[in-house]
Amino acid sequence: MKKDNPCISVCEFDGRTGWCLGCGRTIPEIREWRKLTPYRRTALLRELPRRVKQVRTDGRPNPKAGKRRNFLPEPSSSPTV
C-alpha cells in the first residue's frame, strides 16, 4: 500500500451508496485512483472519513448488515494506455 492510498484491504461495498466499507471509495474511484490529479486525490481523501462514518452509522445495528458486494473485480491483464 502506498502512503497516500486509502485502501485497507477490506473491499466490501455498501449496496445503497456503492462505497467501500473499508476506505469509502466507489469502484470507479478505486480504478481511477492512480490517474487522479493530486488536487482531486486530496479532495477525495478529505471526503472519505465522512463516507465511512456514514456507512457505518446509518442506523443499522450491525455495520455488516444489508446488501453489499464482497469483491473487487480484477483489473484486466492487458495494459491500458
PDB file of N, CA and C in Angstrom:
ATOM      1  N   MET A   1       0.845  -1.183   0.000  1.00  0.00           N
ATOM      2  CA  MET A   1       0.000   0.000   0.000  1.00  0.00           C
ATOM      3  C   MET A   1       0.884   1.239   0.000  1.00  0.00           C
ATOM      4  N   LYS A   2       0.570   2.164  -0.873  1.00  0.00           N
ATOM      5  CA  LYS A   2       1.320   3.417  -0.921  1.00  0.00           C
ATOM      6  C   LYS A   2       0.833   4.358   0.165  1.00  0.00           C
ATOM      7  N   LYS A   3       1.675   5.316   0.482  1.00  0.00           N
ATOM      8  CA  LYS A   3       1.401   6.245   1.568  1.00  0.00           C
ATOM      9  C   LYS A   3       0.066   6.981   1.407  1.00  0.00           C
ATOM     10  N   ASP A   4      -0.266   7.405   0.200  1.00  0.00           N
ATOM     11  CA  ASP A   4      -1.484   8.192   0.007  1.00  0.00           C
ATOM     12  C   ASP A   4      -2.685   7.368  -0.448  1.00  0.00           C
ATOM     13  N   ASN A   5      -2.533   6.049  -0.524  1.00  0.00           N
ATOM     14  CA  ASN A   5      -3.645   5.189  -0.938  1.00  0.00           C
ATOM     15  C   ASN A   5      -4.464   4.817   0.301  1.00  0.00           C
ATOM     16  N   PRO A   6      -5.774   5.117   0.305  1.00  0.00           N
ATOM     17  CA  PRO A   6      -6.593   4.869   1.496  1.00  0.00           C
ATOM     18  C   PRO A   6      -7.039   3.422   1.681  1.00  0.00           C
ATOM     19  N   CYS A   7      -6.698   2.534   0.762  1.00  0.00           N
ATOM     20  CA  CYS A   7      -7.156   1.150   0.834  1.00  0.00           C
ATOM     21  C   CYS A   7      -6.660   0.469   2.112  1.00  0.00           C
ATOM     22  N   ILE A   8      -7.569  -0.262   2.783  1.00  0.00           N
ATOM     23  CA  ILE A   8      -7.184  -1.055   3.951  1.00  0.00           C
ATOM     24  C   ILE A   8      -7.485  -2.531   3.712  1.00  0.00           C
ATOM     25  N   SER A   9      -7.650  -2.905   2.450  1.00  0.00           N
ATOM     26  CA  SER A   9      -7.866  -4.294   2.014  1.00  0.00           C
ATOM     27  C   SER A   9      -9.137  -4.928   2.582  1.00  0.00           C
ATOM     28  N   VAL A  10     -10.211  -4.149   2.689  1.00  0.00           N
ATOM     29  CA  VAL A  10     -11.498  -4.687   3.113  1.00  0.00           C
ATOM     30  C   VAL A  10     -12.339  -5.011   1.880  1.00  0.00           C
ATOM     31  N   CYS A  11     -12.501  -4.095   0.971  1.00  0.00           N
ATOM     32  CA  CYS A  11     -13.185  -4.282  -0.310  1.00  0.00           C
ATOM     33  C   CYS A  11     -14.554  -4.936  -0.196  1.00  0.00           C
ATOM     34  N   GLU A  12     -15.388  -4.416   0.690  1.00  0.00           N
ATOM     35  CA  GLU A  12     -16.797  -4.788   0.795  1.00  0.00           C
ATOM     36  C   GLU A  12     -17.581  -3.512   0.543  1.00  0.00           C
ATOM     37  N   PHE A  13     -18.605  -3.601  -0.296  1.00  0.00           N
ATOM     38  CA  PHE A  13     -19.296  -2.403  -0.739  1.00  0.00           C
ATOM     39  C   PHE A  13     -20.731  -2.343  -0.253  1.00  0.00           C
ATOM     40  N   ASP A  14     -21.122  -1.156   0.217  1.00  0.00           N
ATOM     41  CA  ASP A  14     -22.484  -0.903   0.638  1.00  0.00           C
ATOM     42  C   ASP A  14     -23.371  -0.882  -0.606  1.00  0.00           C
ATOM     43  N   GLY A  15     -24.444  -1.659  -0.601  1.00  0.00           N
ATOM     44  CA  GLY A  15     -25.313  -1.750  -1.759  1.00  0.00           C
ATOM     45  C   GLY A  15     -26.099  -0.487  -2.046  1.00  0.00           C
ATOM     46  N   ARG A  16     -26.318   0.325  -1.044  1.00  0.00           N
ATOM     47  CA  ARG A  16     -27.109   1.543  -1.226  1.00  0.00           C
ATOM     48  C   ARG A  16     -26.274   2.684  -1.784  1.00  0.00           C
ATOM     49  N   THR A  17     -25.069   2.877  -1.244  1.00  0.00           N
ATOM     50  CA  THR A  17     -24.236   4.004  -1.654  1.00  0.00           C
ATOM     51  C   THR A  17     -23.172   3.624  -2.673  1.00  0.00           C
ATOM     52  N   GLY A  18     -22.760   2.356  -2.666  1.00  0.00           N
ATOM     53  CA  GLY A  18     -21.672   1.929  -3.539  1.00  0.00           C
ATOM     54  C   GLY A  18     -20.306   2.202  -2.953  1.00  0.00           C
ATOM     55  N   TRP A  19     -20.250   2.665  -1.713  1.00  0.00           N
ATOM     56  CA  TRP A  19     -18.987   2.992  -1.068  1.00  0.00           C
ATOM     57  C   TRP A  19     -18.385   1.763  -0.409  1.00  0.00           C
ATOM     58  N   CYS A  20     -17.064   1.648  -0.469  1.00  0.00           N
ATOM     59  CA  CYS A  20     -16.345   0.571   0.205  1.00  0.00           C
ATOM     60  C   CYS A  20     -16.459   0.784   1.713  1.00  0.00           C
ATOM     61  N   LEU A  21     -16.731  -0.293   2.442  1.00  0.00           N
ATOM     62  CA  LEU A  21     -16.838  -0.188   3.897  1.00  0.00           C
ATOM     63  C   LEU A  21     -15.483   0.060   4.553  1.00  0.00           C
ATOM     64  N   GLY A  22     -14.407  -0.216   3.848  1.00  0.00           N
ATOM     65  CA  GLY A  22     -13.067  -0.002   4.396  1.00  0.00           C
ATOM     66  C   GLY A  22     -12.536   1.400   4.143  1.00  0.00           C
ATOM     67  N   CYS A  23     -12.529   1.820   2.873  1.00  0.00           N
ATOM     68  CA  CYS A  23     -11.902   3.103   2.535  1.00  0.00           C
ATOM     69  C   CYS A  23     -12.890   4.188   2.135  1.00  0.00           C
ATOM     70  N   GLY A  24     -14.121   3.817   1.770  1.00  0.00           N
ATOM     71  CA  GLY A  24     -15.128   4.811   1.419  1.00  0.00           C
ATOM     72  C   GLY A  24     -15.206   5.154  -0.057  1.00  0.00           C
ATOM     73  N   ARG A  25     -14.330   4.585  -0.865  1.00  0.00           N
ATOM     74  CA  ARG A  25     -14.351   4.912  -2.291  1.00  0.00           C
ATOM     75  C   ARG A  25     -15.333   4.016  -3.038  1.00  0.00           C
ATOM     76  N   THR A  26     -15.756   4.472  -4.217  1.00  0.00           N
ATOM     77  CA  THR A  26     -16.571   3.659  -5.107  1.00  0.00           C
ATOM     78  C   THR A  26     -15.625   2.859  -6.005  1.00  0.00           C
ATOM     79  N   ILE A  27     -16.154   1.861  -6.697  1.00  0.00           N
ATOM     80  CA  ILE A  27     -15.309   1.073  -7.602  1.00  0.00           C
ATOM     81  C   ILE A  27     -14.681   1.952  -8.682  1.00  0.00           C
ATOM     82  N   PRO A  28     -15.428   2.867  -9.322  1.00  0.00           N
ATOM     83  CA  PRO A  28     -14.772   3.734 -10.310  1.00  0.00           C
ATOM     84  C   PRO A  28     -13.660   4.593  -9.697  1.00  0.00           C
ATOM     85  N   GLU A  29     -13.845   5.091  -8.472  1.00  0.00           N
ATOM     86  CA  GLU A  29     -12.797   5.883  -7.828  1.00  0.00           C
ATOM     87  C   GLU A  29     -11.566   5.038  -7.537  1.00  0.00           C
ATOM     88  N   ILE A  30     -11.777   3.776  -7.154  1.00  0.00           N
ATOM     89  CA  ILE A  30     -10.652   2.872  -6.892  1.00  0.00           C
ATOM     90  C   ILE A  30      -9.887   2.615  -8.183  1.00  0.00           C
ATOM     91  N   ARG A  31     -10.607   2.356  -9.266  1.00  0.00           N
ATOM     92  CA  ARG A  31      -9.963   2.083 -10.552  1.00  0.00           C
ATOM     93  C   ARG A  31      -9.175   3.278 -11.066  1.00  0.00           C
ATOM     94  N   GLU A  32      -9.691   4.467 -10.848  1.00  0.00           N
ATOM     95  CA  GLU A  32      -9.065   5.682 -11.383  1.00  0.00           C
ATOM     96  C   GLU A  32      -8.060   6.326 -10.432  1.00  0.00           C
ATOM     97  N   TRP A  33      -7.845   5.758  -9.257  1.00  0.00           N
ATOM     98  CA  TRP A  33      -7.045   6.399  -8.222  1.00  0.00           C
ATOM     99  C   TRP A  33      -5.690   6.889  -8.729  1.00  0.00           C
ATOM    100  N   ARG A  34      -4.948   6.040  -9.425  1.00  0.00           N
ATOM    101  CA  ARG A  34      -3.607   6.424  -9.884  1.00  0.00           C
ATOM    102  C   ARG A  34      -3.641   7.513 -10.943  1.00  0.00           C
ATOM    103  N   LYS A  35      -4.765   7.679 -11.632  1.00  0.00           N
ATOM    104  CA  LYS A  35      -4.884   8.679 -12.688  1.00  0.00           C
ATOM    105  C   LYS A  35      -5.367  10.033 -12.179  1.00  0.00           C
ATOM    106  N   LEU A  36      -5.844  10.081 -10.936  1.00  0.00           N
ATOM    107  CA  LEU A  36      -6.371  11.335 -10.396  1.00  0.00           C
ATOM    108  C   LEU A  36      -5.263  12.357 -10.212  1.00  0.00           C
ATOM    109  N   THR A  37      -5.622  13.620 -10.382  1.00  0.00           N
ATOM    110  CA  THR A  37      -4.664  14.697 -10.119  1.00  0.00           C
ATOM    111  C   THR A  37      -4.433  14.785  -8.608  1.00  0.00           C
ATOM    112  N   PRO A  38      -3.315  15.334  -8.188  1.00  0.00           N
ATOM    113  CA  PRO A  38      -3.085  15.495  -6.740  1.00  0.00           C
ATOM    114  C   PRO A  38      -4.200  16.278  -6.051  1.00  0.00           C
ATOM    115  N   TYR A  39      -4.732  17.278  -6.726  1.00  0.00           N
ATOM    116  CA  TYR A  39      -5.821  18.059  -6.150  1.00  0.00           C
ATOM    117  C   TYR A  39      -7.048  17.183  -5.904  1.00  0.00           C
ATOM    118  N   ARG A  40      -7.419  16.377  -6.908  1.00  0.00           N
ATOM    119  CA  ARG A  40      -8.601  15.512  -6.773  1.00  0.00           C
ATOM    120  C   ARG A  40      -8.388  14.432  -5.721  1.00  0.00           C
ATOM    121  N   ARG A  41      -7.173  13.879  -5.648  1.00  0.00           N
ATOM    122  CA  ARG A  41      -6.878  12.883  -4.604  1.00  0.00           C
ATOM    123  C   ARG A  41      -7.049  13.486  -3.218  1.00  0.00           C
ATOM    124  N   THR A  42      -6.501  14.680  -3.042  1.00  0.00           N
ATOM    125  CA  THR A  42      -6.595  15.349  -1.738  1.00  0.00           C
ATOM    126  C   THR A  42      -8.051  15.619  -1.379  1.00  0.00           C
ATOM    127  N   ALA A  43      -8.815  16.092  -2.341  1.00  0.00           N
ATOM    128  CA  ALA A  43     -10.239  16.362  -2.085  1.00  0.00           C
ATOM    129  C   ALA A  43     -10.971  15.078  -1.706  1.00  0.00           C
ATOM    130  N   LEU A  44     -10.687  13.999  -2.415  1.00  0.00           N
ATOM    131  CA  LEU A  44     -11.339  12.724  -2.121  1.00  0.00           C
ATOM    132  C   LEU A  44     -10.886  12.180  -0.765  1.00  0.00           C
ATOM    133  N   LEU A  45      -9.602  12.292  -0.454  1.00  0.00           N
ATOM    134  CA  LEU A  45      -9.094  11.827   0.843  1.00  0.00           C
ATOM    135  C   LEU A  45      -9.772  12.555   2.002  1.00  0.00           C
ATOM    136  N   ARG A  46     -10.115  13.813   1.809  1.00  0.00           N
ATOM    137  CA  ARG A  46     -10.818  14.562   2.859  1.00  0.00           C
ATOM    138  C   ARG A  46     -12.268  14.120   3.009  1.00  0.00           C
ATOM    139  N   GLU A  47     -12.871  13.631   1.934  1.00  0.00           N
ATOM    140  CA  GLU A  47     -14.264  13.200   1.932  1.00  0.00           C
ATOM    141  C   GLU A  47     -14.449  11.795   2.497  1.00  0.00           C
ATOM    142  N   LEU A  48     -13.454  10.944   2.356  1.00  0.00           N
ATOM    143  CA  LEU A  48     -13.603   9.529   2.694  1.00  0.00           C
ATOM    144  C   LEU A  48     -13.958   9.242   4.152  1.00  0.00           C
ATOM    145  N   PRO A  49     -13.354   9.903   5.146  1.00  0.00           N
ATOM    146  CA  PRO A  49     -13.741   9.604   6.534  1.00  0.00           C
ATOM    147  C   PRO A  49     -15.233   9.844   6.798  1.00  0.00           C
ATOM    148  N   ARG A  50     -15.811  10.863   6.174  1.00  0.00           N
ATOM    149  CA  ARG A  50     -17.238  11.130   6.347  1.00  0.00           C
ATOM    150  C   ARG A  50     -18.062  10.004   5.737  1.00  0.00           C
ATOM    151  N   ARG A  51     -17.660   9.534   4.563  1.00  0.00           N
ATOM    152  CA  ARG A  51     -18.383   8.437   3.916  1.00  0.00           C
ATOM    153  C   ARG A  51     -18.346   7.173   4.760  1.00  0.00           C
ATOM    154  N   VAL A  52     -17.150   6.813   5.247  1.00  0.00           N
ATOM    155  CA  VAL A  52     -17.013   5.592   6.050  1.00  0.00           C
ATOM    156  C   VAL A  52     -17.857   5.696   7.310  1.00  0.00           C
ATOM    157  N   LYS A  53     -17.814   6.842   7.953  1.00  0.00           N
ATOM    158  CA  LYS A  53     -18.610   7.040   9.161  1.00  0.00           C
ATOM    159  C   LYS A  53     -20.100   6.932   8.851  1.00  0.00           C
ATOM    160  N   GLN A  54     -20.533   7.520   7.746  1.00  0.00           N
ATOM    161  CA  GLN A  54     -21.942   7.475   7.371  1.00  0.00           C
ATOM    162  C   GLN A  54     -22.385   6.048   7.076  1.00  0.00           C
ATOM    163  N   VAL A  55     -21.580   5.298   6.358  1.00  0.00           N
ATOM    164  CA  VAL A  55     -21.945   3.914   6.030  1.00  0.00           C
ATOM    165  C   VAL A  55     -21.998   3.065   7.287  1.00  0.00           C
ATOM    166  N   ARG A  56     -21.105   3.307   8.219  1.00  0.00           N
ATOM    167  CA  ARG A  56     -21.059   2.501   9.438  1.00  0.00           C
ATOM    168  C   ARG A  56     -22.109   2.890  10.465  1.00  0.00           C
ATOM    169  N   THR A  57     -22.633   4.112  10.389  1.00  0.00           N
ATOM    170  CA  THR A  57     -23.588   4.575  11.398  1.00  0.00           C
ATOM    171  C   THR A  57     -24.902   5.038  10.783  1.00  0.00           C
ATOM    172  N   ASP A  58     -25.345   4.404   9.715  1.00  0.00           N
ATOM    173  CA  ASP A  58     -26.566   4.850   9.043  1.00  0.00           C
ATOM    174  C   ASP A  58     -27.827   4.247   9.632  1.00  0.00           C
ATOM    175  N   GLY A  59     -27.795   3.859  10.901  1.00  0.00           N
ATOM    176  CA  GLY A  59     -28.984   3.359  11.563  1.00  0.00           C
ATOM    177  C   GLY A  59     -29.073   1.852  11.639  1.00  0.00           C
ATOM    178  N   ARG A  60     -28.182   1.164  10.958  1.00  0.00           N
ATOM    179  CA  ARG A  60     -28.187  -0.295  11.035  1.00  0.00           C
ATOM    180  C   ARG A  60     -27.440  -0.715  12.293  1.00  0.00           C
ATOM    181  N   PRO A  61     -27.947  -1.675  13.040  1.00  0.00           N
ATOM    182  CA  PRO A  61     -27.277  -2.106  14.261  1.00  0.00           C
ATOM    183  C   PRO A  61     -25.944  -2.783  13.988  1.00  0.00           C
ATOM    184  N   ASN A  62     -25.806  -3.421  12.845  1.00  0.00           N
ATOM    185  CA  ASN A  62     -24.583  -4.125  12.511  1.00  0.00           C
ATOM    186  C   ASN A  62     -24.023  -3.523  11.231  1.00  0.00           C
ATOM    187  N   PRO A  63     -22.785  -2.991  11.234  1.00  0.00           N
ATOM    188  CA  PRO A  63     -22.252  -2.364  10.026  1.00  0.00           C
ATOM    189  C   PRO A  63     -22.094  -3.334   8.866  1.00  0.00           C
ATOM    190  N   LYS A  64     -22.129  -4.639   9.119  1.00  0.00           N
ATOM    191  CA  LYS A  64     -22.016  -5.606   8.032  1.00  0.00           C
ATOM    192  C   LYS A  64     -23.386  -6.058   7.527  1.00  0.00           C
ATOM    193  N   ALA A  65     -24.457  -5.493   8.059  1.00  0.00           N
ATOM    194  CA  ALA A  65     -25.804  -5.868   7.623  1.00  0.00           C
ATOM    195  C   ALA A  65     -26.136  -5.153   6.315  1.00  0.00           C
ATOM    196  N   GLY A  66     -27.094  -5.662   5.603  1.00  0.00           N
ATOM    197  CA  GLY A  66     -27.545  -5.025   4.380  1.00  0.00           C
ATOM    198  C   GLY A  66     -26.845  -5.570   3.157  1.00  0.00           C
ATOM    199  N   LYS A  67     -27.239  -5.044   2.005  1.00  0.00           N
ATOM    200  CA  LYS A  67     -26.644  -5.503   0.759  1.00  0.00           C
ATOM    201  C   LYS A  67     -25.249  -4.936   0.607  1.00  0.00           C
ATOM    202  N   ARG A  68     -24.366  -5.771   0.100  1.00  0.00           N
ATOM    203  CA  ARG A  68     -23.017  -5.313  -0.192  1.00  0.00           C
ATOM    204  C   ARG A  68     -22.377  -6.285  -1.142  1.00  0.00           C
ATOM    205  N   ARG A  69     -21.334  -5.849  -1.771  1.00  0.00           N
ATOM    206  CA  ARG A  69     -20.591  -6.703  -2.678  1.00  0.00           C
ATOM    207  C   ARG A  69     -19.287  -7.044  -1.992  1.00  0.00           C
ATOM    208  N   ASN A  70     -18.923  -8.311  -1.996  1.00  0.00           N
ATOM    209  CA  ASN A  70     -17.725  -8.777  -1.315  1.00  0.00           C
ATOM    210  C   ASN A  70     -16.523  -8.903  -2.222  1.00  0.00           C
ATOM    211  N   PHE A  71     -16.517  -8.235  -3.334  1.00  0.00           N
ATOM    212  CA  PHE A  71     -15.403  -8.415  -4.240  1.00  0.00           C
ATOM    213  C   PHE A  71     -15.097  -7.127  -4.969  1.00  0.00           C
ATOM    214  N   LEU A  72     -13.894  -7.069  -5.452  1.00  0.00           N
ATOM    215  CA  LEU A  72     -13.469  -6.012  -6.326  1.00  0.00           C
ATOM    216  C   LEU A  72     -13.011  -6.701  -7.592  1.00  0.00           C
ATOM    217  N   PRO A  73     -13.646  -6.437  -8.713  1.00  0.00           N
ATOM    218  CA  PRO A  73     -13.257  -7.130  -9.933  1.00  0.00           C
ATOM    219  C   PRO A  73     -11.771  -6.942 -10.237  1.00  0.00           C
ATOM    220  N   GLU A  74     -11.162  -8.003 -10.668  1.00  0.00           N
ATOM    221  CA  GLU A  74      -9.750  -7.961 -11.008  1.00  0.00           C
ATOM    222  C   GLU A  74      -9.560  -7.113 -12.252  1.00  0.00           C
ATOM    223  N   PRO A  75      -8.520  -6.272 -12.268  1.00  0.00           N
ATOM    224  CA  PRO A  75      -8.255  -5.499 -13.473  1.00  0.00           C
ATOM    225  C   PRO A  75      -7.827  -6.437 -14.599  1.00  0.00           C
ATOM    226  N   SER A  76      -8.070  -6.007 -15.808  1.00  0.00           N
ATOM    227  CA  SER A  76      -7.692  -6.834 -16.943  1.00  0.00           C
ATOM    228  C   SER A  76      -6.177  -6.956 -17.005  1.00  0.00           C
ATOM    229  N   SER A  77      -5.699  -8.060 -17.547  1.00  0.00           N
ATOM    230  CA  SER A  77      -4.260  -8.288 -17.604  1.00  0.00           C
ATOM    231  C   SER A  77      -3.612  -7.472 -18.706  1.00  0.00           C
ATOM    232  N   SER A  78      -4.407  -6.944 -19.635  1.00  0.00           N
ATOM    233  CA  SER A  78      -3.816  -6.158 -20.708  1.00  0.00           C
ATOM    234  C   SER A  78      -3.596  -4.731 -20.246  1.00  0.00           C
ATOM    235  N   PRO A  79      -2.453  -4.149 -20.574  1.00  0.00           N
ATOM    236  CA  PRO A  79      -2.172  -2.766 -20.138  1.00  0.00           C
ATOM    237  C   PRO A  79      -3.070  -1.781 -20.863  1.00  0.00           C
ATOM    238  N   THR A  80      -3.458  -0.743 -20.155  1.00  0.00           N
ATOM    239  CA  THR A  80      -4.273   0.311 -20.760  1.00  0.00           C
ATOM    240  C   THR A  80      -3.391   1.505 -21.061  1.00  0.00           C
ATOM    241  N   VAL A  81      -3.749   2.215 -22.082  1.00  0.00           N
ATOM    242  CA  VAL A  81      -2.939   3.364 -22.492  1.00  0.00           C
ATOM    243  C   VAL A  81      -3.724   4.616 -22.297  1.00  0.00           C
TER     244      VAL A  81
END
